[in-house]
Protein backbone atom coordinates (compact mmCIF):
# COMPACT_ATOMS: atom_id res chain seq x y z
CA MET A 1 24.32 -6.38 -72.74
CA ASN A 2 22.16 -3.24 -72.76
CA ILE A 3 21.75 -2.02 -76.34
CA ARG A 4 20.86 1.65 -76.23
CA PHE A 5 19.33 3.93 -78.82
CA ILE A 6 22.21 5.92 -80.32
CA ASP A 7 21.63 9.59 -81.14
CA ILE A 8 24.76 10.32 -83.19
CA HIS A 9 24.34 14.10 -83.43
CA THR A 10 22.39 16.33 -81.10
CA HIS A 11 22.44 19.80 -79.58
CA ARG A 12 19.99 18.67 -76.90
CA PRO A 13 21.65 15.61 -75.39
CA VAL A 14 19.73 13.03 -73.40
CA ASN A 15 21.54 10.14 -71.73
CA SER A 16 19.72 7.40 -69.88
CA GLU A 17 19.58 3.63 -69.57
CA GLU A 18 17.84 3.61 -72.97
CA ILE A 19 19.53 6.44 -74.89
CA GLN A 20 23.14 7.35 -75.62
CA SER A 21 23.59 10.81 -77.12
CA VAL A 22 26.68 12.23 -78.80
CA PRO A 23 26.46 15.98 -78.16
CA SER A 24 27.67 18.22 -80.99
CA LEU A 25 29.58 21.09 -79.39
CA PHE A 26 30.89 24.33 -80.82
CA LEU A 27 34.66 24.10 -80.51
CA GLN A 28 34.89 27.55 -78.95
CA ASP A 29 32.69 26.35 -76.07
CA VAL A 30 34.71 23.25 -75.18
CA ASP A 31 36.74 23.17 -72.00
CA SER A 32 39.29 20.51 -72.92
CA THR A 33 40.47 20.07 -69.34
CA HIS A 34 37.05 19.50 -67.81
CA PRO A 35 34.71 18.27 -70.56
CA GLU A 36 31.06 18.29 -69.56
CA TYR A 37 30.22 15.14 -71.51
CA PRO A 38 31.87 11.69 -71.50
CA ARG A 39 31.58 11.48 -75.32
CA PHE A 40 31.13 14.34 -77.74
CA SER A 41 32.01 15.81 -81.13
CA ALA A 42 33.31 19.34 -81.61
CA ALA A 43 34.21 21.75 -84.42
CA ILE A 44 33.87 25.29 -85.69
CA HIS A 45 30.52 25.34 -87.46
CA PRO A 46 30.65 26.87 -90.98
CA TRP A 47 28.31 29.61 -89.73
CA HIS A 48 30.97 30.69 -87.22
CA ALA A 49 34.04 30.45 -89.46
CA SER A 50 34.50 34.22 -89.72
CA GLN A 51 34.79 34.60 -85.95
CA PHE A 52 38.27 33.02 -85.75
CA THR A 53 41.55 33.21 -87.60
CA PRO A 54 42.86 29.97 -89.15
CA ASP A 55 45.71 30.03 -86.60
CA LYS A 56 43.22 30.24 -83.74
CA VAL A 57 41.17 27.37 -85.15
CA GLY A 58 44.31 25.26 -85.44
CA GLU A 59 45.21 26.10 -81.85
CA MET A 60 41.73 25.17 -80.56
CA LEU A 61 41.79 21.89 -82.44
CA GLU A 62 45.16 20.95 -80.99
CA ASN A 63 43.88 21.82 -77.52
CA ILE A 64 41.18 19.16 -77.75
CA ALA A 65 43.38 16.50 -79.35
CA THR A 66 43.84 14.65 -76.07
CA ALA A 67 40.58 15.70 -74.40
CA PRO A 68 38.78 12.73 -72.83
CA GLY A 69 35.61 11.96 -74.73
CA ILE A 70 36.32 13.61 -78.10
CA ILE A 71 35.18 10.88 -80.48
CA ALA A 72 34.57 12.88 -83.67
CA ILE A 73 35.29 16.20 -85.38
CA GLY A 74 32.10 17.98 -86.30
CA GLU A 75 29.92 19.36 -87.26
CA THR A 76 32.15 20.89 -89.87
CA GLY A 77 31.65 21.40 -93.57
CA LEU A 78 30.45 23.92 -96.14
CA ASP A 79 27.27 25.96 -96.40
CA LYS A 80 26.54 28.14 -99.42
CA ALA A 81 23.25 29.30 -97.91
CA CYS A 82 24.84 31.20 -95.02
CA SER A 83 26.50 34.63 -95.08
CA THR A 84 29.99 33.45 -94.07
CA ASP A 85 32.59 33.92 -96.82
CA TYR A 86 32.71 30.64 -98.73
CA GLN A 87 36.46 30.65 -99.36
CA LEU A 88 37.04 31.14 -95.64
CA GLN A 89 34.68 28.23 -94.94
CA LYS A 90 36.76 26.05 -97.25
CA LEU A 91 39.97 27.03 -95.47
CA ILE A 92 38.54 26.31 -92.01
CA PHE A 93 37.02 23.05 -93.21
CA GLY A 94 40.41 22.00 -94.60
CA LEU A 95 41.94 22.52 -91.15
CA HIS A 96 39.31 20.24 -89.62
CA LEU A 97 39.82 17.60 -92.29
CA ASP A 98 43.59 17.57 -91.84
CA PHE A 99 43.22 17.39 -88.07
CA ALA A 100 40.73 14.51 -88.25
CA VAL A 101 42.98 12.56 -90.60
CA ASN A 102 46.09 13.16 -88.49
CA HIS A 103 44.30 12.15 -85.28
CA HIS A 104 42.22 9.33 -86.79
CA LYS A 105 38.85 10.85 -85.87
CA PRO A 106 35.60 10.47 -87.81
CA LEU A 107 34.16 13.59 -89.42
CA ILE A 108 30.56 14.75 -88.98
CA ILE A 109 29.66 16.89 -91.98
CA HIS A 110 27.29 19.82 -92.39
CA ALA A 111 26.52 20.28 -96.08
CA VAL A 112 24.27 22.85 -97.75
CA ARG A 113 24.46 23.38 -101.54
CA SER A 114 28.11 22.36 -101.44
CA TRP A 115 28.18 18.71 -102.41
CA ASN A 116 30.62 18.98 -105.32
CA ASP A 117 33.27 20.72 -103.23
CA LEU A 118 32.81 18.39 -100.28
CA ILE A 119 32.99 15.28 -102.43
CA ILE A 120 36.19 16.51 -104.08
CA SER A 121 37.71 17.16 -100.64
CA LEU A 122 36.58 13.90 -99.06
CA ARG A 123 36.54 11.30 -101.82
CA HIS A 124 40.00 9.89 -101.00
CA THR A 125 39.92 10.21 -97.23
CA LYS A 126 40.33 7.01 -95.22
CA ILE A 127 38.57 8.16 -92.06
CA PRO A 128 34.83 7.61 -91.54
CA VAL A 129 32.65 10.43 -92.90
CA ILE A 130 29.13 10.94 -91.53
CA ILE A 131 26.76 13.29 -93.37
CA HIS A 132 24.44 14.67 -90.72
CA GLY A 133 20.82 15.66 -91.27
CA TYR A 134 20.70 13.78 -94.56
CA SER A 135 17.62 14.01 -96.78
CA GLY A 136 19.02 13.95 -100.33
CA GLY A 137 17.70 12.48 -103.54
CA LYS A 138 18.45 9.14 -105.18
CA GLU A 139 21.44 10.12 -107.31
CA LEU A 140 23.24 11.93 -104.51
CA THR A 141 22.47 9.07 -102.14
CA LYS A 142 24.00 6.55 -104.54
CA GLN A 143 27.08 8.73 -104.99
CA LEU A 144 27.66 9.13 -101.25
CA ILE A 145 27.14 5.44 -100.58
CA ASP A 146 29.63 4.54 -103.33
CA LEU A 147 32.16 6.78 -101.58
CA GLY A 148 31.67 4.80 -98.37
CA PHE A 149 30.08 7.64 -96.42
CA TYR A 150 27.66 7.12 -93.55
CA LEU A 151 24.33 8.96 -93.72
CA SER A 152 22.64 10.22 -90.56
CA VAL A 153 18.89 10.73 -90.76
CA GLY A 154 16.93 12.97 -88.41
CA GLU A 155 13.47 14.22 -87.62
CA SER A 156 12.69 14.96 -91.27
CA VAL A 157 11.77 11.30 -91.55
CA LEU A 158 8.70 12.04 -89.41
CA ARG A 159 7.29 14.06 -92.33
CA ILE A 160 9.01 12.14 -95.07
CA THR A 161 8.56 13.10 -98.71
CA PRO A 162 8.15 10.49 -101.47
CA ARG A 163 11.55 11.62 -102.83
CA PHE A 164 13.38 10.94 -99.59
CA ARG A 165 11.40 7.76 -98.89
CA GLU A 166 12.86 6.39 -102.12
CA SER A 167 16.37 7.47 -101.13
CA LEU A 168 16.05 5.97 -97.66
CA GLN A 169 15.42 2.55 -99.15
CA LEU A 170 18.80 2.76 -100.93
CA ILE A 171 20.89 3.36 -97.81
CA PRO A 172 22.49 0.13 -96.57
CA LEU A 173 21.68 -0.49 -92.93
CA THR A 174 25.42 -0.72 -92.30
CA SER A 175 25.80 2.90 -93.54
CA LEU A 176 23.02 4.43 -91.46
CA PHE A 177 22.91 6.56 -88.31
CA LEU A 178 20.08 8.43 -86.60
CA GLU A 179 20.05 11.84 -84.92
CA THR A 180 17.86 14.49 -83.35
CA ASP A 181 20.08 17.54 -84.09
CA GLU A 182 18.26 20.61 -82.69
CA SER A 183 14.75 19.21 -83.02
CA GLY A 184 14.03 18.09 -79.46
CA GLU A 185 12.34 14.97 -80.86
CA ASP A 186 12.65 11.67 -79.02
CA ILE A 187 15.27 9.57 -80.84
CA ARG A 188 13.14 6.48 -80.17
CA LYS A 189 10.38 7.96 -82.33
CA ILE A 190 12.83 8.37 -85.22
CA TYR A 191 14.04 4.78 -84.76
CA HIS A 192 10.45 3.53 -84.79
CA GLU A 193 9.57 5.42 -87.97
CA ILE A 194 12.60 4.23 -89.94
CA SER A 195 12.34 0.62 -88.74
CA GLN A 196 8.76 0.59 -90.04
CA LEU A 197 9.78 2.14 -93.36
CA ARG A 198 12.54 -0.46 -93.75
CA GLY A 199 10.38 -3.39 -92.63
CA LEU A 200 12.51 -4.27 -89.60
CA SER A 201 11.63 -5.04 -86.03
CA PRO A 202 12.54 -2.15 -83.70
CA GLU A 203 14.97 -4.36 -81.76
CA GLU A 204 16.68 -5.66 -84.89
CA PHE A 205 17.11 -2.11 -86.16
CA LYS A 206 18.44 -0.83 -82.84
CA ILE A 207 21.07 -3.59 -82.75
CA GLN A 208 22.26 -2.71 -86.28
CA ILE A 209 22.69 0.99 -85.47
CA PHE A 210 24.58 0.06 -82.31
CA LYS A 211 26.90 -2.14 -84.41
CA ASN A 212 27.51 0.81 -86.75
CA PHE A 213 28.40 2.97 -83.75
CA LYS A 214 30.86 0.37 -82.51
CA THR A 215 32.42 0.05 -85.97
CA VAL A 216 33.02 3.78 -86.37
CA PHE A 217 33.80 4.94 -82.85
CA CYS A 218 35.14 2.00 -80.86
């Protein structure tokens, strides 16, 4: 069996014999009848929430419900650092959450300065929750792990701070994913860096992340 490097969240997908990417698409760009990718995630990004009415977002979500290849809803979430009205973000995020629950899809979460609200919204959900681009501190890491969330780590690990190095050691291997997001980095480089930090062989680490992928998405 060929175990590939899994890139769980990327805007620059690469698929090969070695790498399996999960492209993160903007929902408004998805053609549900002829999807470009065999596996992908899709959502209205919090930055774009003001561009669509809630009714339109609901309609677009329903249009992709049976699209071949839609394996997750995301990235969706809350971002207090952007200019989009925060209450509107919360409304649009709630639509995504309800849709994901109703259709049994994992959620890929974008979170900026909004942890309290997201945790309140997600703490009782039974679907898998993946926090993308994670680089939080120890206390937040412990809280998210206790809630059963998965944490996806990206290219920030290539210039890791002592604070995040400490947090990374707390993440169970069974709760970990890796991603490239918009960076253009080679996912294999991120795998190599984290396997060294965690004291694992590259092959052992790759197998564990593949198991996590199978657990959540298959």
